[in-house]
Amino acid sequence: MDPRAGTRCSRLLLRRRGHCGLAVPALALAAPVGVQRLLSRIPGERIRAAILGAALVAAAAYGPWRARKWLAAAAVVPPTDAMKTAVDVRLAAGERVLVLSGGDPKLLRYLDRKGPVVGGNLGPWLNRAGPLPAAVVIDTGAARDWASVARVALTSADYPPIFQHSAMEVWLHASDGSPGERPH
């Protein structure tokens, strides 16, 4: 079963390659119409201008606020080259990895890989029929609260660590076949 099944994206039939690729442009085009209809119901030109200004400031500030922790701290420079080499030696080019973080895709950029970025719940990814993730990358800075639980789950699912640093960890599935296959 697909861990993303049941998301609003799949219910709207806007899924494309596992994400809501078509929903974002539709929402972006429909939003001004909704804002215009909402503002037209508010009496007073100055109040409408104030509300619109506050909404624009909030929208402009949301991006930097959301990405405030995405870049590594200047004091802690993660060894991204060593991590990338450890993964590239063991996985085929283009093989997807699972990233455990708070929604921050920076480890995918560091590894030059693709794959899902999820929170701390590994259950849907490790306890499903079908292919398992070939590798799991943990952003230990974002996963402080649940990193130890993730380590226990990965160890019990036969994922030994191949790279560990204070900022990130890489766990590779130790299957007897190709990476990502569930052993029989």
C-alpha atoms as a PDB file:
ATOM      1  CA  MET A   1       0.000   0.000   0.000  1.00  0.00           C
ATOM      2  CA  ASP A   2       1.244   3.438  -0.892  1.00  0.00           C
ATOM      3  CA  PRO A   3       2.039   5.450   2.290  1.00  0.00           C
ATOM      4  CA  ARG A   4       0.681   8.552   0.575  1.00  0.00           C
ATOM      5  CA  ALA A   5      -2.687   6.884  -0.168  1.00  0.00           C
ATOM      6  CA  GLY A   6      -5.525   8.781   1.347  1.00  0.00           C
ATOM      7  CA  THR A   7      -3.873  12.176   1.141  1.00  0.00           C
ATOM      8  CA  ARG A   8      -5.951  15.073  -0.077  1.00  0.00           C
ATOM      9  CA  CYS A   9      -3.796  15.126  -3.184  1.00  0.00           C
ATOM     10  CA  SER A  10      -4.770  11.585  -4.214  1.00  0.00           C
ATOM     11  CA  ARG A  11      -8.436  12.162  -3.385  1.00  0.00           C
ATOM     12  CA  LEU A  12      -8.512  15.169  -5.712  1.00  0.00           C
ATOM     13  CA  LEU A  13      -7.001  13.046  -8.493  1.00  0.00           C
ATOM     14  CA  LEU A  14      -4.290  15.625  -8.961  1.00  0.00           C
ATOM     15  CA  ARG A  15      -1.457  13.240  -8.141  1.00  0.00           C
ATOM     16  CA  ARG A  16       1.344  13.137 -10.599  1.00  0.00           C
ATOM     17  CA  ARG A  17       4.485  11.132  -9.878  1.00  0.00           C
ATOM     18  CA  GLY A  18       3.677  10.871  -6.191  1.00  0.00           C
ATOM     19  CA  HIS A  19       3.110  14.552  -5.443  1.00  0.00           C
ATOM     20  CA  CYS A  20       0.542  17.263  -6.011  1.00  0.00           C
ATOM     21  CA  GLY A  21       2.246  18.642  -9.094  1.00  0.00           C
ATOM     22  CA  LEU A  22      -0.944  19.984 -10.634  1.00  0.00           C
ATOM     23  CA  ALA A  23      -2.577  21.286  -7.465  1.00  0.00           C
ATOM     24  CA  VAL A  24      -0.080  24.088  -6.842  1.00  0.00           C
ATOM     25  CA  PRO A  25      -0.633  25.960 -10.146  1.00  0.00           C
ATOM     26  CA  ALA A  26      -4.414  25.556  -9.820  1.00  0.00           C
ATOM     27  CA  LEU A  27      -4.371  26.976  -6.299  1.00  0.00           C
ATOM     28  CA  ALA A  28      -2.049  29.805  -7.329  1.00  0.00           C
ATOM     29  CA  LEU A  29      -4.378  30.818 -10.148  1.00  0.00           C
ATOM     30  CA  ALA A  30      -7.551  30.508  -8.047  1.00  0.00           C
ATOM     31  CA  ALA A  31      -6.230  32.335  -4.971  1.00  0.00           C
ATOM     32  CA  PRO A  32      -6.497  35.899  -6.358  1.00  0.00           C
ATOM     33  CA  VAL A  33     -10.125  35.292  -7.322  1.00  0.00           C
ATOM     34  CA  GLY A  34     -10.915  34.088  -3.809  1.00  0.00           C
ATOM     35  CA  VAL A  35      -9.100  37.022  -2.223  1.00  0.00           C
ATOM     36  CA  GLN A  36     -10.928  39.477  -4.468  1.00  0.00           C
ATOM     37  CA  ARG A  37     -14.316  37.968  -3.568  1.00  0.00           C
ATOM     38  CA  LEU A  38     -13.455  38.025   0.136  1.00  0.00           C
ATOM     39  CA  LEU A  39     -12.223  41.623   0.080  1.00  0.00           C
ATOM     40  CA  SER A  40     -15.242  42.829  -1.905  1.00  0.00           C
ATOM     41  CA  ARG A  41     -17.475  41.856   1.035  1.00  0.00           C
ATOM     42  CA  ILE A  42     -15.543  44.019   3.520  1.00  0.00           C
ATOM     43  CA  PRO A  43     -16.810  47.608   3.784  1.00  0.00           C
ATOM     44  CA  GLY A  44     -14.318  50.460   3.581  1.00  0.00           C
ATOM     45  CA  GLU A  45     -11.477  50.923   1.131  1.00  0.00           C
ATOM     46  CA  ARG A  46      -8.849  51.561   3.849  1.00  0.00           C
ATOM     47  CA  ILE A  47      -9.755  48.380   5.756  1.00  0.00           C
ATOM     48  CA  ARG A  48      -9.537  46.339   2.555  1.00  0.00           C
ATOM     49  CA  ALA A  49      -6.137  47.858   1.740  1.00  0.00           C
ATOM     50  CA  ALA A  50      -4.881  47.127   5.276  1.00  0.00           C
ATOM     51  CA  ILE A  51      -6.055  43.511   5.142  1.00  0.00           C
ATOM     52  CA  LEU A  52      -4.568  43.005   1.681  1.00  0.00           C
ATOM     53  CA  GLY A  53      -1.260  44.558   2.806  1.00  0.00           C
ATOM     54  CA  ALA A  54      -1.098  42.325   5.886  1.00  0.00           C
ATOM     55  CA  ALA A  55      -1.839  39.255   3.764  1.00  0.00           C
ATOM     56  CA  LEU A  56       0.891  40.154   1.267  1.00  0.00           C
ATOM     57  CA  VAL A  57       3.446  40.720   4.043  1.00  0.00           C
ATOM     58  CA  ALA A  58       2.492  37.383   5.646  1.00  0.00           C
ATOM     59  CA  ALA A  59       2.786  35.577   2.301  1.00  0.00           C
ATOM     60  CA  ALA A  60       6.188  37.150   1.592  1.00  0.00           C
ATOM     61  CA  ALA A  61       7.478  36.342   5.095  1.00  0.00           C
ATOM     62  CA  TYR A  62       6.293  32.714   5.044  1.00  0.00           C
ATOM     63  CA  GLY A  63       8.998  31.468   2.645  1.00  0.00           C
ATOM     64  CA  PRO A  64      11.998  32.624   4.696  1.00  0.00           C
ATOM     65  CA  TRP A  65      10.268  31.557   7.933  1.00  0.00           C
ATOM     66  CA  ARG A  66       9.591  28.056   6.549  1.00  0.00           C
ATOM     67  CA  ALA A  67      13.165  27.658   5.287  1.00  0.00           C
ATOM     68  CA  ARG A  68      14.900  29.213   8.301  1.00  0.00           C
ATOM     69  CA  LYS A  69      16.471  25.934   9.452  1.00  0.00           C
ATOM     70  CA  TRP A  70      17.055  24.354   6.070  1.00  0.00           C
ATOM     71  CA  LEU A  71      20.625  25.459   5.591  1.00  0.00           C
ATOM     72  CA  ALA A  72      23.307  24.060   7.858  1.00  0.00           C
ATOM     73  CA  ALA A  73      24.524  26.289  10.643  1.00  0.00           C
ATOM     74  CA  ALA A  74      27.743  28.104   9.799  1.00  0.00           C
ATOM     75  CA  ALA A  75      29.510  26.660  12.852  1.00  0.00           C
ATOM     76  CA  VAL A  76      28.735  23.036  11.899  1.00  0.00           C
ATOM     77  CA  VAL A  77      29.835  22.234   8.390  1.00  0.00           C
ATOM     78  CA  PRO A  78      28.533  18.749   7.573  1.00  0.00           C
ATOM     79  CA  PRO A  79      30.879  16.477   5.613  1.00  0.00           C
ATOM     80  CA  THR A  80      28.602  16.258   2.611  1.00  0.00           C
ATOM     81  CA  ASP A  81      31.307  15.020   0.232  1.00  0.00           C
ATOM     82  CA  ALA A  82      32.107  12.050   2.476  1.00  0.00           C
ATOM     83  CA  MET A  83      28.403  11.258   2.861  1.00  0.00           C
ATOM     84  CA  LYS A  84      27.816  11.490  -0.897  1.00  0.00           C
ATOM     85  CA  THR A  85      30.803   9.223  -1.582  1.00  0.00           C
ATOM     86  CA  ALA A  86      29.577   6.644   0.967  1.00  0.00           C
ATOM     87  CA  VAL A  87      26.171   6.533  -0.737  1.00  0.00           C
ATOM     88  CA  ASP A  88      27.461   6.632  -4.331  1.00  0.00           C
ATOM     89  CA  VAL A  89      29.824   3.694  -3.730  1.00  0.00           C
ATOM     90  CA  ARG A  90      26.994   1.501  -2.447  1.00  0.00           C
ATOM     91  CA  LEU A  91      23.979   2.554  -4.535  1.00  0.00           C
ATOM     92  CA  ALA A  92      23.400   2.710  -8.250  1.00  0.00           C
ATOM     93  CA  ALA A  93      23.200   6.147  -9.823  1.00  0.00           C
ATOM     94  CA  GLY A  94      19.685   7.491  -9.679  1.00  0.00           C
ATOM     95  CA  GLU A  95      18.512   5.115  -6.929  1.00  0.00           C
ATOM     96  CA  ARG A  96      16.074   6.900  -4.639  1.00  0.00           C
ATOM     97  CA  VAL A  97      16.640   7.386  -0.916  1.00  0.00           C
ATOM     98  CA  LEU A  98      14.245   8.117   1.937  1.00  0.00           C
ATOM     99  CA  VAL A  99      15.067  11.253   3.955  1.00  0.00           C
ATOM    100  CA  LEU A 100      13.881  11.605   7.542  1.00  0.00           C
ATOM    101  CA  SER A 101      13.683  15.260   8.428  1.00  0.00           C
ATOM    102  CA  GLY A 102      11.169  17.907   9.288  1.00  0.00           C
ATOM    103  CA  GLY A 103      10.376  18.542   5.634  1.00  0.00           C
ATOM    104  CA  ASP A 104      13.805  19.885   4.710  1.00  0.00           C
ATOM    105  CA  PRO A 105      15.064  18.522   1.369  1.00  0.00           C
ATOM    106  CA  LYS A 106      18.678  19.705   1.795  1.00  0.00           C
ATOM    107  CA  LEU A 107      20.064  16.164   2.218  1.00  0.00           C
ATOM    108  CA  LEU A 108      18.651  15.209  -1.174  1.00  0.00           C
ATOM    109  CA  ARG A 109      20.541  18.151  -2.667  1.00  0.00           C
ATOM    110  CA  TYR A 110      23.727  17.179  -0.812  1.00  0.00           C
ATOM    111  CA  LEU A 111      23.452  13.610  -2.116  1.00  0.00           C
ATOM    112  CA  ASP A 112      22.289  14.619  -5.598  1.00  0.00           C
ATOM    113  CA  ARG A 113      19.462  12.079  -5.244  1.00  0.00           C
ATOM    114  CA  LYS A 114      15.693  12.002  -5.380  1.00  0.00           C
ATOM    115  CA  GLY A 115      13.236  10.507  -2.958  1.00  0.00           C
ATOM    116  CA  PRO A 116      10.575  11.265  -0.387  1.00  0.00           C
ATOM    117  CA  VAL A 117      11.182  13.556   2.582  1.00  0.00           C
ATOM    118  CA  VAL A 118       9.161  12.371   5.576  1.00  0.00           C
ATOM    119  CA  GLY A 119       8.805  12.937   9.298  1.00  0.00           C
ATOM    120  CA  GLY A 120       9.633  10.500  12.065  1.00  0.00           C
ATOM    121  CA  ASN A 121       7.045   7.811  11.307  1.00  0.00           C
ATOM    122  CA  LEU A 122       8.955   5.052   9.518  1.00  0.00           C
ATOM    123  CA  GLY A 123       6.183   2.477   9.906  1.00  0.00           C
ATOM    124  CA  PRO A 124       4.501   3.059   6.531  1.00  0.00           C
ATOM    125  CA  TRP A 125       7.865   2.865   4.754  1.00  0.00           C
ATOM    126  CA  LEU A 126       9.431  -0.136   6.505  1.00  0.00           C
ATOM    127  CA  ASN A 127       6.340  -2.287   7.088  1.00  0.00           C
ATOM    128  CA  ARG A 128       4.894  -2.407   3.612  1.00  0.00           C
ATOM    129  CA  ALA A 129       4.782  -5.079   0.984  1.00  0.00           C
ATOM    130  CA  GLY A 130       6.986  -4.353  -1.976  1.00  0.00           C
ATOM    131  CA  PRO A 131      10.315  -2.629  -2.294  1.00  0.00           C
ATOM    132  CA  LEU A 132      11.867  -1.048   0.755  1.00  0.00           C
ATOM    133  CA  PRO A 133      13.896   2.157   0.551  1.00  0.00           C
ATOM    134  CA  ALA A 134      17.446   1.329  -0.543  1.00  0.00           C
ATOM    135  CA  ALA A 135      18.832   3.840   1.929  1.00  0.00           C
ATOM    136  CA  VAL A 136      17.486   6.046   4.700  1.00  0.00           C
ATOM    137  CA  VAL A 137      19.140   9.378   5.458  1.00  0.00           C
ATOM    138  CA  ILE A 138      18.440  11.010   8.817  1.00  0.00           C
ATOM    139  CA  ASP A 139      18.793  14.743   9.336  1.00  0.00           C
ATOM    140  CA  THR A 140      19.751  14.485  13.011  1.00  0.00           C
ATOM    141  CA  GLY A 141      19.412  18.229  13.514  1.00  0.00           C
ATOM    142  CA  ALA A 142      15.759  18.186  12.490  1.00  0.00           C
ATOM    143  CA  ALA A 143      15.104  14.746  14.014  1.00  0.00           C
ATOM    144  CA  ARG A 144      16.303  15.376  17.561  1.00  0.00           C
ATOM    145  CA  ASP A 145      13.056  14.215  19.134  1.00  0.00           C
ATOM    146  CA  TRP A 146      12.612  10.987  17.177  1.00  0.00           C
ATOM    147  CA  ALA A 147      16.080  10.079  15.863  1.00  0.00           C
ATOM    148  CA  SER A 148      16.632   7.380  18.516  1.00  0.00           C
ATOM    149  CA  VAL A 149      13.277   5.763  17.675  1.00  0.00           C
ATOM    150  CA  ALA A 150      14.195   5.843  13.990  1.00  0.00           C
ATOM    151  CA  ARG A 151      17.565   4.205  14.716  1.00  0.00           C
ATOM    152  CA  VAL A 152      15.874   1.339  16.582  1.00  0.00           C
ATOM    153  CA  ALA A 153      13.360   0.858  13.762  1.00  0.00           C
ATOM    154  CA  LEU A 154      16.103   0.880  11.129  1.00  0.00           C
ATOM    155  CA  THR A 155      18.245  -1.594  13.074  1.00  0.00           C
ATOM    156  CA  SER A 156      15.312  -3.985  13.468  1.00  0.00           C
ATOM    157  CA  ALA A 157      14.523  -3.650   9.731  1.00  0.00           C
ATOM    158  CA  ASP A 158      18.082  -4.717   8.810  1.00  0.00           C
ATOM    159  CA  TYR A 159      19.492  -1.283   7.965  1.00  0.00           C
ATOM    160  CA  PRO A 160      23.066  -0.912   9.263  1.00  0.00           C
ATOM    161  CA  PRO A 161      24.545   2.595   9.380  1.00  0.00           C
ATOM    162  CA  ILE A 162      27.135   3.300   6.693  1.00  0.00           C
ATOM    163  CA  PHE A 163      27.788   6.957   7.567  1.00  0.00           C
ATOM    164  CA  GLN A 164      27.322   8.775  10.867  1.00  0.00           C
ATOM    165  CA  HIS A 165      27.960  12.402  11.730  1.00  0.00           C
ATOM    166  CA  SER A 166      26.452  14.740  14.308  1.00  0.00           C
ATOM    167  CA  ALA A 167      24.366  16.406  11.573  1.00  0.00           C
ATOM    168  CA  MET A 168      23.362  13.419   9.420  1.00  0.00           C
ATOM    169  CA  GLU A 169      23.326   9.646   9.175  1.00  0.00           C
ATOM    170  CA  VAL A 170      22.953   7.208   6.290  1.00  0.00           C
ATOM    171  CA  TRP A 171      21.522   3.723   6.776  1.00  0.00           C
ATOM    172  CA  LEU A 172      21.676   1.201   3.909  1.00  0.00           C
ATOM    173  CA  HIS A 173      19.410  -1.810   3.602  1.00  0.00           C
ATOM    174  CA  ALA A 174      21.479  -4.990   4.033  1.00  0.00           C
ATOM    175  CA  SER A 175      19.567  -7.252   1.639  1.00  0.00           C
ATOM    176  CA  ASP A 176      21.096 -10.234  -0.051  1.00  0.00           C
ATOM    177  CA  GLY A 177      19.735  -9.053  -3.406  1.00  0.00           C
ATOM    178  CA  SER A 178      19.650  -5.609  -4.876  1.00  0.00           C
ATOM    179  CA  PRO A 179      19.244  -2.698  -2.431  1.00  0.00           C
ATOM    180  CA  GLY A 180      15.665  -2.025  -1.535  1.00  0.00           C
ATOM    181  CA  GLU A 181      14.389  -5.613  -1.910  1.00  0.00           C
ATOM    182  CA  ARG A 182      12.617  -7.281   0.975  1.00  0.00           C
ATOM    183  CA  PRO A 183      14.418 -10.561   1.793  1.00  0.00           C
ATOM    184  CA  HIS A 184      12.214 -13.713   1.713  1.00  0.00           C
END
